[in-house]
Amino acid sequence: MTKDQFFDMFGQIDATYILAVEDVLSRNSKVVHLPGKRIVRTLLIAAVIASLMTLTAYATGLFGIISRIIKDPGSEIQSGTLSSEAAEVVDSLRNVHHRDYISLSGVTGSPEYQAAAEWLAFKGSYADQKTAEQITEGKTYYEWRDLERSFAPDEPTKEICRLYQVWDATMWEKLQEIADKYSLSLHSERTPILGDWIQMREHGKYENGSFVISGSTTIEGQGCIYDFYMERAGFLPCDDMTASCADEYEEWQYTNSHGQRVSIAMRDASTNESWSQFDYLIFYSDDDATMTVKATYGHPLNDNATDDKAYAERLADRIDFASLISAKTPEDALVILRGD
């Protein structure tokens, strides 16, 4: 949640106190200049207002999945020359090119959220357009993609384009335009994290200390493997997380064993009459980074002893989010996650 959103919620409060709240929220060492004892009184009131704002934000879900969903419904291609075959192919690929996503950095209104939403929408619409053009010209729909990135002027640019799935010069120009519009940087390199034994192709660490890894722990005597995303502020994420059936999640706030306030979202994803399956998302943010945990858990349907919400809370208890943000390297963060 941005500071502007905080202030919009409290438009009738005296401006002096609002300015003081901004100092509190910004951790600003400079305070509003007031005479004598009024400084102390003002800061006390500001602290109370800031606390109420935070509680209100949690109560309305402004730190959770509600404010992190990026919807990309797609749009109709406006072309009088679109053949019926092209229209059919584009329609068949709609669920591939257009999805709902979870913002991995920032919430609604933040530069990171807005940039990610704009980039994902452009990628989907551009894929529709190129697919239609290819089919209309009698070509395979995916042949427009330049897998070698020959349009890129140098190797560093090629690497950025690989990370963001940029396939031609038009996409590269658009990516730079969006990053500049929101004053964000682009990731330039992803490398393996030493000691990560569950190394997948899309996992690794970035040049700014952001990372994606798989973690594991034991909950109620059972192993649990989860994906862990940590994205530093000020960058347009190159990773994306799809959000299947986002409106089906039940969400609540929870204070974990480390005293950290997190938002937990749970969805019943069961498809088998004898087996219960749940998808979990855990969110934690501060001014420096956003962390997202994604996990799946299942058990026999007649296992009445299992508390599915408590299972998610135990997973949140296992993670010291604040320590992960302050870790000097992703390798250090991996050690913290393992509890070594």
Protein backbone atom coordinates (compact mmCIF):
# COMPACT_ATOMS: atom_id res chain seq x y z
CA MET A 1 0.00 0.00 0.00
CA THR A 2 1.40 3.43 -0.93
CA LYS A 3 1.59 6.45 1.33
CA ASP A 4 -0.82 8.27 -1.00
CA GLN A 5 -3.40 5.54 -0.42
CA PHE A 6 -2.93 5.92 3.33
CA PHE A 7 -3.56 9.66 3.16
CA ASP A 8 -6.60 9.35 0.89
CA MET A 9 -8.27 7.27 3.59
CA PHE A 10 -7.91 10.06 6.17
CA GLY A 11 -8.74 13.24 4.27
CA GLN A 12 -10.39 15.00 7.23
CA ILE A 13 -7.40 14.85 9.59
CA ASP A 14 -5.50 18.05 10.34
CA ALA A 15 -2.71 18.57 7.79
CA THR A 16 -0.08 19.00 10.50
CA TYR A 17 -0.72 15.51 11.80
CA ILE A 18 -0.82 14.06 8.28
CA LEU A 19 2.62 15.54 7.57
CA ALA A 20 3.90 14.05 10.80
CA VAL A 21 2.43 10.68 9.84
CA GLU A 22 4.32 10.85 6.56
CA ASP A 23 7.53 11.34 8.53
CA VAL A 24 6.69 8.34 10.70
CA LEU A 25 5.81 6.14 7.71
CA SER A 26 8.88 7.31 5.78
CA ARG A 27 11.17 6.86 8.77
CA ASN A 28 12.17 10.47 8.17
CA SER A 29 14.61 11.88 10.69
CA LYS A 30 13.27 15.37 9.99
CA VAL A 31 10.02 16.13 11.79
CA VAL A 32 7.44 18.84 11.32
CA HIS A 33 8.74 21.96 13.05
CA LEU A 34 6.43 22.95 15.87
CA PRO A 35 7.08 24.97 19.02
CA GLY A 36 7.83 23.45 22.41
CA LYS A 37 5.80 20.55 23.83
CA ARG A 38 3.54 20.49 20.79
CA ILE A 39 6.19 18.49 18.90
CA VAL A 40 5.84 15.57 21.31
CA ARG A 41 2.04 15.78 21.25
CA THR A 42 1.95 15.90 17.46
CA LEU A 43 4.26 12.91 17.05
CA LEU A 44 2.22 10.89 19.54
CA ILE A 45 -0.97 11.64 17.60
CA ALA A 46 0.84 10.87 14.36
CA ALA A 47 1.96 7.50 15.71
CA VAL A 48 -1.62 6.63 16.69
CA ILE A 49 -2.91 7.65 13.25
CA ALA A 50 -0.20 5.60 11.53
CA SER A 51 -1.16 2.57 13.61
CA LEU A 52 -4.85 3.02 12.77
CA MET A 53 -3.98 3.35 9.10
CA THR A 54 -2.02 0.11 9.17
CA LEU A 55 -4.81 -1.75 10.97
CA THR A 56 -7.34 -0.41 8.48
CA ALA A 57 -5.16 -1.50 5.58
CA TYR A 58 -4.93 -5.04 6.96
CA ALA A 59 -8.64 -5.19 7.71
CA THR A 60 -9.53 -4.22 4.15
CA GLY A 61 -7.03 -6.59 2.58
CA LEU A 62 -4.84 -3.84 1.14
CA PHE A 63 -1.67 -5.80 1.93
CA GLY A 64 -2.97 -9.15 0.64
CA ILE A 65 -4.14 -10.91 -2.47
CA ILE A 66 -6.89 -8.36 -3.23
CA SER A 67 -4.32 -5.65 -3.93
CA ARG A 68 -1.89 -7.97 -5.73
CA ILE A 69 -4.11 -9.46 -8.43
CA ILE A 70 -3.22 -8.31 -11.94
CA LYS A 71 -6.06 -9.08 -14.34
CA ASP A 72 -5.40 -9.40 -18.06
CA PRO A 73 -8.68 -10.27 -19.81
CA GLY A 74 -7.27 -9.37 -23.22
CA SER A 75 -9.03 -7.36 -25.91
CA GLU A 76 -10.42 -7.94 -29.36
CA ILE A 77 -8.04 -7.51 -32.28
CA GLN A 78 -9.30 -4.70 -34.49
CA SER A 79 -8.50 -5.85 -38.00
CA GLY A 80 -10.75 -6.04 -41.06
CA THR A 81 -8.35 -8.49 -42.73
CA LEU A 82 -8.43 -11.07 -39.92
CA SER A 83 -9.25 -14.47 -41.43
CA SER A 84 -11.64 -16.88 -39.75
CA GLU A 85 -8.76 -19.31 -39.23
CA ALA A 86 -6.66 -16.61 -37.57
CA ALA A 87 -9.58 -15.62 -35.32
CA GLU A 88 -10.05 -19.23 -34.29
CA VAL A 89 -6.38 -19.73 -33.43
CA VAL A 90 -6.19 -16.47 -31.47
CA ASP A 91 -9.29 -17.45 -29.52
CA SER A 92 -7.85 -20.91 -28.75
CA LEU A 93 -4.72 -19.26 -27.31
CA ARG A 94 -6.59 -16.72 -25.18
CA ASN A 95 -6.02 -18.68 -21.95
CA VAL A 96 -2.31 -18.83 -22.76
CA HIS A 97 -1.79 -15.20 -23.73
CA HIS A 98 -4.11 -13.69 -21.10
CA ARG A 99 -4.26 -14.74 -17.46
CA ASP A 100 -4.64 -13.38 -13.97
CA TYR A 101 -1.34 -12.86 -12.17
CA ILE A 102 -0.03 -12.22 -8.67
CA SER A 103 2.10 -9.10 -8.35
CA LEU A 104 5.50 -10.17 -7.04
CA SER A 105 6.52 -6.60 -6.19
CA GLY A 106 4.23 -3.94 -4.82
CA VAL A 107 0.47 -3.61 -4.49
CA THR A 108 -2.15 -1.68 -6.46
CA GLY A 109 -0.96 1.85 -7.12
CA SER A 110 2.76 1.18 -6.67
CA PRO A 111 5.14 1.74 -9.62
CA GLU A 112 6.14 -1.94 -9.60
CA TYR A 113 2.53 -3.15 -9.73
CA GLN A 114 1.52 -0.72 -12.46
CA ALA A 115 4.55 -1.51 -14.60
CA ALA A 116 4.04 -5.27 -14.26
CA ALA A 117 0.35 -4.93 -15.16
CA GLU A 118 1.17 -2.85 -18.24
CA TRP A 119 3.95 -5.17 -19.40
CA LEU A 120 1.93 -8.37 -18.96
CA ALA A 121 -1.06 -6.86 -20.78
CA PHE A 122 1.17 -5.72 -23.65
CA LYS A 123 2.82 -9.15 -23.96
CA GLY A 124 -0.54 -10.87 -24.21
CA SER A 125 -2.05 -8.42 -26.71
CA TYR A 126 1.11 -8.36 -28.81
CA ALA A 127 1.15 -12.16 -28.95
CA ASP A 128 -2.47 -12.05 -30.17
CA GLN A 129 -1.55 -9.57 -32.88
CA LYS A 130 1.51 -11.46 -34.12
CA THR A 131 -0.36 -14.77 -34.04
CA ALA A 132 -3.13 -13.32 -36.22
CA GLU A 133 -0.59 -11.90 -38.66
CA GLN A 134 1.26 -15.20 -38.94
CA ILE A 135 -1.85 -17.29 -39.56
CA THR A 136 -3.21 -14.78 -42.07
CA GLU A 137 0.09 -15.04 -43.98
CA GLY A 138 -0.06 -18.84 -43.91
CA LYS A 139 2.79 -19.22 -41.41
CA THR A 140 3.09 -21.11 -38.12
CA TYR A 141 1.73 -18.85 -35.37
CA TYR A 142 4.87 -18.86 -33.22
CA GLU A 143 7.51 -18.37 -35.95
CA TRP A 144 7.63 -14.61 -35.36
CA ARG A 145 9.67 -15.15 -32.22
CA ASP A 146 13.39 -14.45 -32.66
CA LEU A 147 14.82 -17.08 -30.32
CA GLU A 148 18.39 -15.85 -30.87
CA ARG A 149 17.45 -12.23 -30.09
CA SER A 150 19.39 -11.08 -33.16
CA PHE A 151 17.70 -7.68 -32.84
CA ALA A 152 19.62 -7.01 -29.59
CA PRO A 153 22.77 -4.87 -30.03
CA ASP A 154 24.90 -6.75 -27.49
CA GLU A 155 25.02 -9.73 -25.13
CA PRO A 156 23.84 -7.84 -22.01
CA THR A 157 20.71 -6.75 -23.91
CA LYS A 158 20.14 -10.30 -25.11
CA GLU A 159 20.26 -11.52 -21.50
CA ILE A 160 17.68 -8.93 -20.39
CA CYS A 161 15.44 -9.99 -23.28
CA ARG A 162 15.74 -13.64 -22.28
CA LEU A 163 14.75 -12.83 -18.70
CA TYR A 164 11.68 -10.83 -19.76
CA GLN A 165 10.72 -13.13 -22.68
CA VAL A 166 11.23 -10.39 -25.24
CA TRP A 167 11.04 -11.81 -28.77
CA ASP A 168 11.57 -8.89 -31.12
CA ALA A 169 12.63 -5.23 -31.35
CA THR A 170 9.09 -3.91 -30.78
CA MET A 171 8.84 -5.76 -27.46
CA TRP A 172 12.28 -4.55 -26.40
CA GLU A 173 11.32 -0.93 -27.08
CA LYS A 174 8.07 -1.36 -25.15
CA LEU A 175 9.82 -2.93 -22.15
CA GLN A 176 12.24 0.01 -21.93
CA GLU A 177 9.38 2.48 -22.35
CA ILE A 178 7.42 0.96 -19.44
CA ALA A 179 10.48 0.80 -17.16
CA ASP A 180 11.30 4.46 -17.91
CA LYS A 181 7.67 5.51 -17.41
CA TYR A 182 7.66 4.16 -13.84
CA SER A 183 11.33 4.96 -13.07
CA LEU A 184 12.18 1.30 -12.56
CA SER A 185 15.29 -0.71 -13.37
CA LEU A 186 15.38 -3.95 -15.34
CA HIS A 187 16.99 -7.15 -14.17
CA SER A 188 20.12 -7.90 -16.17
CA GLU A 189 21.34 -11.27 -14.92
CA ARG A 190 20.13 -14.45 -13.24
CA THR A 191 22.67 -16.93 -11.88
CA PRO A 192 22.42 -20.11 -9.77
CA ILE A 193 22.37 -19.85 -5.98
CA LEU A 194 25.16 -21.90 -4.47
CA GLY A 195 23.77 -24.60 -2.20
CA ASP A 196 20.27 -24.66 -3.73
CA TRP A 197 19.80 -28.37 -4.38
CA ILE A 198 16.32 -27.92 -5.93
CA GLN A 199 17.63 -25.77 -8.76
CA MET A 200 15.02 -25.22 -11.48
CA ARG A 201 15.53 -23.32 -14.73
CA GLU A 202 13.60 -20.25 -13.59
CA HIS A 203 15.21 -20.21 -10.13
CA GLY A 204 18.28 -18.23 -9.16
CA LYS A 205 19.53 -14.87 -7.95
CA TYR A 206 19.48 -11.51 -9.67
CA GLU A 207 22.06 -8.75 -9.80
CA ASN A 208 20.26 -6.68 -7.13
CA GLY A 209 19.89 -9.48 -4.57
CA SER A 210 16.35 -10.54 -5.55
CA PHE A 211 15.93 -14.29 -5.87
CA VAL A 212 13.60 -17.21 -6.51
CA ILE A 213 14.21 -20.55 -4.83
CA SER A 214 12.44 -23.65 -3.58
CA GLY A 215 12.39 -24.09 0.18
CA SER A 216 11.50 -27.11 2.26
CA THR A 217 10.44 -27.72 5.83
CA THR A 218 8.55 -30.22 7.97
CA ILE A 219 5.06 -29.45 9.25
CA GLU A 220 3.13 -31.86 11.44
CA GLY A 221 5.58 -34.60 10.52
CA GLN A 222 5.18 -34.13 6.78
CA GLY A 223 7.59 -32.59 4.31
CA CYS A 224 6.58 -29.35 2.64
CA ILE A 225 8.23 -27.88 -0.46
CA TYR A 226 7.38 -24.33 -1.46
CA ASP A 227 8.47 -21.65 -3.93
CA PHE A 228 9.88 -18.48 -2.41
CA TYR A 229 10.08 -15.18 -4.29
CA MET A 230 11.96 -12.17 -2.93
CA GLU A 231 11.83 -9.06 -5.12
CA ARG A 232 13.69 -5.89 -4.19
CA ALA A 233 11.84 -2.60 -4.67
CA GLY A 234 12.66 -0.37 -7.62
CA PHE A 235 12.77 -3.12 -10.28
CA LEU A 236 10.26 -4.44 -12.80
CA PRO A 237 9.99 -8.17 -11.97
CA CYS A 238 10.86 -10.52 -14.82
CA ASP A 239 9.21 -13.47 -13.07
CA ASP A 240 5.45 -13.86 -13.10
CA MET A 241 3.06 -15.97 -11.06
CA THR A 242 -0.30 -16.94 -12.51
CA ALA A 243 -3.32 -16.75 -10.24
CA SER A 244 -5.77 -19.51 -11.04
CA CYS A 245 -9.27 -18.84 -9.65
CA ALA A 246 -8.11 -15.81 -7.67
CA ASP A 247 -11.65 -15.10 -6.45
CA GLU A 248 -11.79 -18.50 -4.71
CA TYR A 249 -9.13 -17.70 -2.12
CA GLU A 250 -9.97 -17.23 1.54
CA GLU A 251 -7.62 -14.72 3.13
CA TRP A 252 -6.67 -13.71 6.65
CA GLN A 253 -3.90 -11.84 8.49
CA TYR A 254 -1.58 -13.64 10.85
CA THR A 255 1.31 -12.73 13.15
CA ASN A 256 3.93 -15.45 12.86
CA SER A 257 6.26 -16.77 15.55
CA HIS A 258 8.80 -14.05 14.68
CA GLY A 259 6.26 -11.31 15.40
CA GLN A 260 5.84 -10.47 11.69
CA ARG A 261 2.45 -9.60 10.22
CA VAL A 262 1.73 -11.60 7.06
CA SER A 263 -1.27 -12.14 4.81
CA ILE A 264 -2.25 -15.74 4.05
CA ALA A 265 -4.53 -16.82 1.20
CA MET A 266 -5.88 -20.38 0.84
CA ARG A 267 -7.87 -22.02 -1.96
CA ASP A 268 -9.50 -25.45 -2.04
CA ALA A 269 -8.13 -26.96 -5.26
CA SER A 270 -9.49 -30.47 -4.69
CA THR A 271 -10.39 -32.47 -7.81
CA ASN A 272 -10.54 -35.94 -6.28
CA GLU A 273 -13.43 -37.15 -4.11
CA SER A 274 -11.05 -38.92 -1.73
CA TRP A 275 -8.28 -36.31 -1.56
CA SER A 276 -8.26 -32.71 -0.30
CA GLN A 277 -5.86 -30.35 -2.05
CA PHE A 278 -5.10 -26.75 -1.09
CA ASP A 279 -3.11 -23.91 -2.66
CA TYR A 280 -1.46 -21.45 -0.27
CA LEU A 281 0.00 -17.98 -0.74
CA ILE A 282 1.80 -16.04 1.97
CA PHE A 283 2.69 -12.35 1.52
CA TYR A 284 5.11 -10.14 3.44
CA SER A 285 6.31 -6.67 2.42
CA ASP A 286 8.30 -3.75 3.71
CA ASP A 287 9.77 -0.65 2.07
CA ASP A 288 12.71 -2.60 0.64
CA ALA A 289 11.25 -5.82 -0.72
CA THR A 290 8.19 -7.99 -1.33
CA MET A 291 8.19 -11.70 -0.48
CA THR A 292 5.73 -14.27 -1.77
CA VAL A 293 5.47 -17.91 -0.73
CA LYS A 294 3.58 -20.40 -2.87
CA ALA A 295 2.81 -23.90 -1.58
CA THR A 296 0.44 -26.82 -2.14
CA TYR A 297 -0.72 -29.28 0.48
CA GLY A 298 -2.96 -32.33 0.32
CA HIS A 299 -4.34 -35.06 2.59
CA PRO A 300 -7.01 -37.80 2.57
CA LEU A 301 -10.50 -36.33 2.62
CA ASN A 302 -11.48 -38.23 5.76
CA ASP A 303 -8.49 -36.90 7.72
CA ASN A 304 -10.50 -34.79 10.16
CA ALA A 305 -7.47 -34.17 12.35
CA THR A 306 -5.88 -31.84 9.78
CA ASP A 307 -6.47 -28.11 10.24
CA ASP A 308 -5.78 -26.69 6.78
CA LYS A 309 -5.61 -23.07 7.91
CA ALA A 310 -3.29 -23.95 10.78
CA TYR A 311 -1.03 -25.74 8.30
CA ALA A 312 -0.52 -22.47 6.39
CA GLU A 313 0.15 -20.61 9.64
CA ARG A 314 2.77 -23.18 10.67
CA LEU A 315 4.49 -22.61 7.31
CA ALA A 316 4.50 -18.85 7.96
CA ASP A 317 5.99 -19.55 11.41
CA ARG A 318 8.94 -21.33 9.80
CA ILE A 319 10.02 -18.24 7.83
CA ASP A 320 11.79 -15.24 9.34
CA PHE A 321 10.89 -12.73 6.64
CA ALA A 322 12.66 -9.72 8.17
CA SER A 323 15.94 -11.62 8.45
CA LEU A 324 15.66 -12.69 4.83
CA ILE A 325 15.31 -9.08 3.69
CA SER A 326 18.37 -8.04 5.68
CA ALA A 327 20.47 -11.02 4.51
CA LYS A 328 23.59 -9.84 2.68
CA THR A 329 23.36 -12.41 -0.12
CA PRO A 330 20.81 -14.92 -1.46
CA GLU A 331 23.14 -17.65 -0.21
CA ASP A 332 22.82 -16.21 3.30
CA ALA A 333 19.03 -16.10 2.85
CA LEU A 334 19.04 -19.76 1.85
CA VAL A 335 20.86 -20.63 5.07
CA ILE A 336 18.22 -18.70 7.06
CA LEU A 337 15.38 -20.49 5.27
CA ARG A 338 16.89 -23.87 6.08
CA GLY A 339 17.48 -22.91 9.70
CA ASP A 340 21.14 -23.96 9.49
